[in-house]
Amino acid sequence: MIKCDYYPNHEICKNKNTCEFWIPLNQKLKQLNQQISYELDRLESLNQRKREYLKILSEIQEGIYTEIIVINGRLKRLPKKNARGESILKPENVQVGLDYNIISQDINDTQVIIRVLRIKEKNILKILKKRANMN
């Protein structure tokens, strides 16, 4: 894929003839780089939401969202209520929009988009490299 010996610190690479990072960007490549950057930011955001989900899930399992109430002289653990009055049994009850299946699907979709964009980027770089070698 990337043949630069200095990757990921390609800024120090001085080999302008063969290094893919020294090939001037054309408009398509600039647009692709922007799309990849956007999708990588989105992927990071989705992974953060997944970490939040897992953290809240572990807190629920540890009993942080339960309260002890005396019923008929016995202590019982009951789930706390959220702002809407629902019992907190799942992370979705703590924070709106934390559905693990939806987050996982969005992560998979974003990863597929990034792979497709990387393939397009690689093909454009091959073409630009061939043009650079012809000159």
C-alpha atoms as a PDB file:
ATOM      1  CA  MET A   1       0.000   0.000   0.000  1.00  0.00           C
ATOM      2  CA  ILE A   2       2.214   2.860   1.234  1.00  0.00           C
ATOM      3  CA  LYS A   3       5.870   2.447   0.362  1.00  0.00           C
ATOM      4  CA  CYS A   4       7.356   5.442   2.116  1.00  0.00           C
ATOM      5  CA  ASP A   5       9.970   4.373   4.675  1.00  0.00           C
ATOM      6  CA  TYR A   6       9.129   7.366   6.828  1.00  0.00           C
ATOM      7  CA  TYR A   7       5.374   6.682   7.034  1.00  0.00           C
ATOM      8  CA  PRO A   8       3.500   7.898   9.107  1.00  0.00           C
ATOM      9  CA  ASN A   9       6.044  10.722   9.540  1.00  0.00           C
ATOM     10  CA  HIS A  10       6.261  11.332   5.812  1.00  0.00           C
ATOM     11  CA  GLU A  11       6.900  15.057   6.284  1.00  0.00           C
ATOM     12  CA  ILE A  12      10.596  14.254   6.831  1.00  0.00           C
ATOM     13  CA  CYS A  13      10.809  12.190   3.632  1.00  0.00           C
ATOM     14  CA  LYS A  14      12.997  13.884   1.007  1.00  0.00           C
ATOM     15  CA  ASN A  15      12.512  11.336  -1.764  1.00  0.00           C
ATOM     16  CA  LYS A  16      10.260  13.408  -4.021  1.00  0.00           C
ATOM     17  CA  ASN A  17      10.581  11.090  -7.025  1.00  0.00           C
ATOM     18  CA  THR A  18       9.125   7.902  -5.557  1.00  0.00           C
ATOM     19  CA  CYS A  19       7.239   8.885  -2.395  1.00  0.00           C
ATOM     20  CA  GLU A  20       3.485   8.836  -2.900  1.00  0.00           C
ATOM     21  CA  PHE A  21       3.011  11.704  -0.476  1.00  0.00           C
ATOM     22  CA  TRP A  22       5.007  14.120  -2.643  1.00  0.00           C
ATOM     23  CA  ILE A  23       2.737  13.623  -5.641  1.00  0.00           C
ATOM     24  CA  PRO A  24       0.752  16.845  -6.056  1.00  0.00           C
ATOM     25  CA  LEU A  25      -2.899  16.506  -5.162  1.00  0.00           C
ATOM     26  CA  ASN A  26      -5.452  16.924  -7.898  1.00  0.00           C
ATOM     27  CA  GLN A  27      -9.041  17.974  -7.249  1.00  0.00           C
ATOM     28  CA  LYS A  28     -10.388  14.403  -7.034  1.00  0.00           C
ATOM     29  CA  LEU A  29      -7.707  13.420  -4.550  1.00  0.00           C
ATOM     30  CA  LYS A  30      -8.341  16.508  -2.419  1.00  0.00           C
ATOM     31  CA  GLN A  31     -12.052  15.703  -2.340  1.00  0.00           C
ATOM     32  CA  LEU A  32     -11.326  12.070  -1.462  1.00  0.00           C
ATOM     33  CA  ASN A  33      -9.009  13.142   1.346  1.00  0.00           C
ATOM     34  CA  GLN A  34     -11.736  15.402   2.732  1.00  0.00           C
ATOM     35  CA  GLN A  35     -14.268  12.571   2.564  1.00  0.00           C
ATOM     36  CA  ILE A  36     -11.876  10.159   4.268  1.00  0.00           C
ATOM     37  CA  SER A  37     -11.139  12.715   6.962  1.00  0.00           C
ATOM     38  CA  TYR A  38     -14.867  13.256   7.540  1.00  0.00           C
ATOM     39  CA  GLU A  39     -15.559   9.508   7.735  1.00  0.00           C
ATOM     40  CA  LEU A  40     -12.622   8.954  10.113  1.00  0.00           C
ATOM     41  CA  ASP A  41     -13.970  11.701  12.397  1.00  0.00           C
ATOM     42  CA  ARG A  42     -17.405  10.104  12.227  1.00  0.00           C
ATOM     43  CA  LEU A  43     -15.912   6.697  13.041  1.00  0.00           C
ATOM     44  CA  GLU A  44     -14.138   8.150  16.071  1.00  0.00           C
ATOM     45  CA  SER A  45     -17.410   9.706  17.227  1.00  0.00           C
ATOM     46  CA  LEU A  46     -19.243   6.396  16.811  1.00  0.00           C
ATOM     47  CA  ASN A  47     -16.527   4.536  18.698  1.00  0.00           C
ATOM     48  CA  GLN A  48     -16.848   7.107  21.502  1.00  0.00           C
ATOM     49  CA  ARG A  49     -20.602   6.460  21.644  1.00  0.00           C
ATOM     50  CA  LYS A  50     -19.911   2.710  21.778  1.00  0.00           C
ATOM     51  CA  ARG A  51     -17.501   3.244  24.709  1.00  0.00           C
ATOM     52  CA  GLU A  52     -20.156   5.354  26.470  1.00  0.00           C
ATOM     53  CA  TYR A  53     -22.711   2.587  25.939  1.00  0.00           C
ATOM     54  CA  LEU A  54     -20.392  -0.058  27.373  1.00  0.00           C
ATOM     55  CA  LYS A  55     -19.489   2.174  30.343  1.00  0.00           C
ATOM     56  CA  ILE A  56     -23.146   2.822  31.196  1.00  0.00           C
ATOM     57  CA  LEU A  57     -23.942  -0.876  30.728  1.00  0.00           C
ATOM     58  CA  SER A  58     -21.231  -1.841  33.212  1.00  0.00           C
ATOM     59  CA  GLU A  59     -22.520   0.813  35.651  1.00  0.00           C
ATOM     60  CA  ILE A  60     -26.028  -0.665  35.366  1.00  0.00           C
ATOM     61  CA  GLN A  61     -24.653  -4.154  35.986  1.00  0.00           C
ATOM     62  CA  GLU A  62     -22.717  -2.881  39.016  1.00  0.00           C
ATOM     63  CA  GLY A  63     -25.929  -1.464  40.472  1.00  0.00           C
ATOM     64  CA  ILE A  64     -25.072   2.219  40.277  1.00  0.00           C
ATOM     65  CA  TYR A  65     -28.515   2.940  38.847  1.00  0.00           C
ATOM     66  CA  THR A  66     -30.390   1.104  41.619  1.00  0.00           C
ATOM     67  CA  GLU A  67     -31.733   2.269  44.928  1.00  0.00           C
ATOM     68  CA  ILE A  68     -32.504   0.321  48.077  1.00  0.00           C
ATOM     69  CA  ILE A  69     -36.075   0.648  49.300  1.00  0.00           C
ATOM     70  CA  VAL A  70     -37.757  -0.882  52.328  1.00  0.00           C
ATOM     71  CA  ILE A  71     -40.898  -2.814  51.342  1.00  0.00           C
ATOM     72  CA  ASN A  72     -42.782  -4.692  54.079  1.00  0.00           C
ATOM     73  CA  GLY A  73     -39.756  -4.545  56.350  1.00  0.00           C
ATOM     74  CA  ARG A  74     -37.403  -5.974  53.714  1.00  0.00           C
ATOM     75  CA  LEU A  75     -34.706  -4.224  51.745  1.00  0.00           C
ATOM     76  CA  LYS A  76     -35.212  -4.422  48.016  1.00  0.00           C
ATOM     77  CA  ARG A  77     -33.059  -3.139  45.164  1.00  0.00           C
ATOM     78  CA  LEU A  78     -35.088  -1.359  42.546  1.00  0.00           C
ATOM     79  CA  PRO A  79     -33.906   0.433  39.429  1.00  0.00           C
ATOM     80  CA  LYS A  80     -33.844   4.208  39.611  1.00  0.00           C
ATOM     81  CA  LYS A  81     -36.103   6.215  37.323  1.00  0.00           C
ATOM     82  CA  ASN A  82     -34.860   8.467  34.547  1.00  0.00           C
ATOM     83  CA  ALA A  83     -36.218  11.928  33.701  1.00  0.00           C
ATOM     84  CA  ARG A  84     -39.088  10.382  31.729  1.00  0.00           C
ATOM     85  CA  GLY A  85     -40.110   8.195  34.666  1.00  0.00           C
ATOM     86  CA  GLU A  86     -38.863   4.959  33.083  1.00  0.00           C
ATOM     87  CA  SER A  87     -36.886   2.400  35.071  1.00  0.00           C
ATOM     88  CA  ILE A  88     -33.188   2.380  34.176  1.00  0.00           C
ATOM     89  CA  LEU A  89     -32.606  -1.136  32.879  1.00  0.00           C
ATOM     90  CA  LYS A  90     -30.653  -0.433  29.674  1.00  0.00           C
ATOM     91  CA  PRO A  91     -28.164   2.263  28.586  1.00  0.00           C
ATOM     92  CA  GLU A  92     -30.869   3.709  26.287  1.00  0.00           C
ATOM     93  CA  ASN A  93     -32.788   4.629  29.458  1.00  0.00           C
ATOM     94  CA  VAL A  94     -29.833   6.708  30.707  1.00  0.00           C
ATOM     95  CA  GLN A  95     -28.827   8.522  27.527  1.00  0.00           C
ATOM     96  CA  VAL A  96     -31.011   9.017  24.474  1.00  0.00           C
ATOM     97  CA  GLY A  97     -29.706   7.451  21.265  1.00  0.00           C
ATOM     98  CA  LEU A  98     -27.538   4.755  22.834  1.00  0.00           C
ATOM     99  CA  ASP A  99     -28.745   1.700  20.937  1.00  0.00           C
ATOM    100  CA  TYR A 100     -25.883  -0.791  20.613  1.00  0.00           C
ATOM    101  CA  ASN A 101     -27.241  -2.418  17.436  1.00  0.00           C
ATOM    102  CA  ILE A 102     -27.613   0.909  15.642  1.00  0.00           C
ATOM    103  CA  ILE A 103     -24.176   2.116  16.793  1.00  0.00           C
ATOM    104  CA  SER A 104     -22.528  -1.157  15.704  1.00  0.00           C
ATOM    105  CA  GLN A 105     -24.243  -1.021  12.308  1.00  0.00           C
ATOM    106  CA  ASP A 106     -23.171   2.603  11.820  1.00  0.00           C
ATOM    107  CA  ILE A 107     -19.570   1.654  12.710  1.00  0.00           C
ATOM    108  CA  ASN A 108     -19.612  -1.204  10.181  1.00  0.00           C
ATOM    109  CA  ASP A 109     -21.138   1.017   7.481  1.00  0.00           C
ATOM    110  CA  THR A 110     -18.571   3.754   8.105  1.00  0.00           C
ATOM    111  CA  GLN A 111     -15.701   1.254   7.957  1.00  0.00           C
ATOM    112  CA  VAL A 112     -16.967  -0.034   4.601  1.00  0.00           C
ATOM    113  CA  ILE A 113     -17.187   3.537   3.276  1.00  0.00           C
ATOM    114  CA  ILE A 114     -13.614   4.230   4.434  1.00  0.00           C
ATOM    115  CA  ARG A 115     -12.353   1.048   2.734  1.00  0.00           C
ATOM    116  CA  VAL A 116     -14.042   2.039  -0.540  1.00  0.00           C
ATOM    117  CA  LEU A 117     -12.608   5.559  -0.322  1.00  0.00           C
ATOM    118  CA  ARG A 118      -9.121   4.177   0.415  1.00  0.00           C
ATOM    119  CA  ILE A 119      -9.341   1.929  -2.649  1.00  0.00           C
ATOM    120  CA  LYS A 120     -10.324   4.928  -4.790  1.00  0.00           C
ATOM    121  CA  GLU A 121      -7.468   6.919  -3.262  1.00  0.00           C
ATOM    122  CA  LYS A 122      -5.002   4.121  -3.990  1.00  0.00           C
ATOM    123  CA  ASN A 123      -6.162   3.920  -7.627  1.00  0.00           C
ATOM    124  CA  ILE A 124      -5.818   7.674  -8.117  1.00  0.00           C
ATOM    125  CA  LEU A 125      -2.347   7.586  -6.557  1.00  0.00           C
ATOM    126  CA  LYS A 126      -1.322   4.786  -8.937  1.00  0.00           C
ATOM    127  CA  ILE A 127      -2.461   6.849 -11.913  1.00  0.00           C
ATOM    128  CA  LEU A 128      -0.690   9.970 -10.652  1.00  0.00           C
ATOM    129  CA  LYS A 129       2.472   8.002  -9.935  1.00  0.00           C
ATOM    130  CA  LYS A 130       2.480   6.555 -13.460  1.00  0.00           C
ATOM    131  CA  ARG A 131       2.061  10.075 -14.872  1.00  0.00           C
ATOM    132  CA  ALA A 132       4.900  11.334 -12.688  1.00  0.00           C
ATOM    133  CA  ASN A 133       7.176   8.498 -13.832  1.00  0.00           C
ATOM    134  CA  MET A 134       6.413   9.236 -17.502  1.00  0.00           C
ATOM    135  CA  ASN A 135       7.616  12.808 -17.126  1.00  0.00           C
END
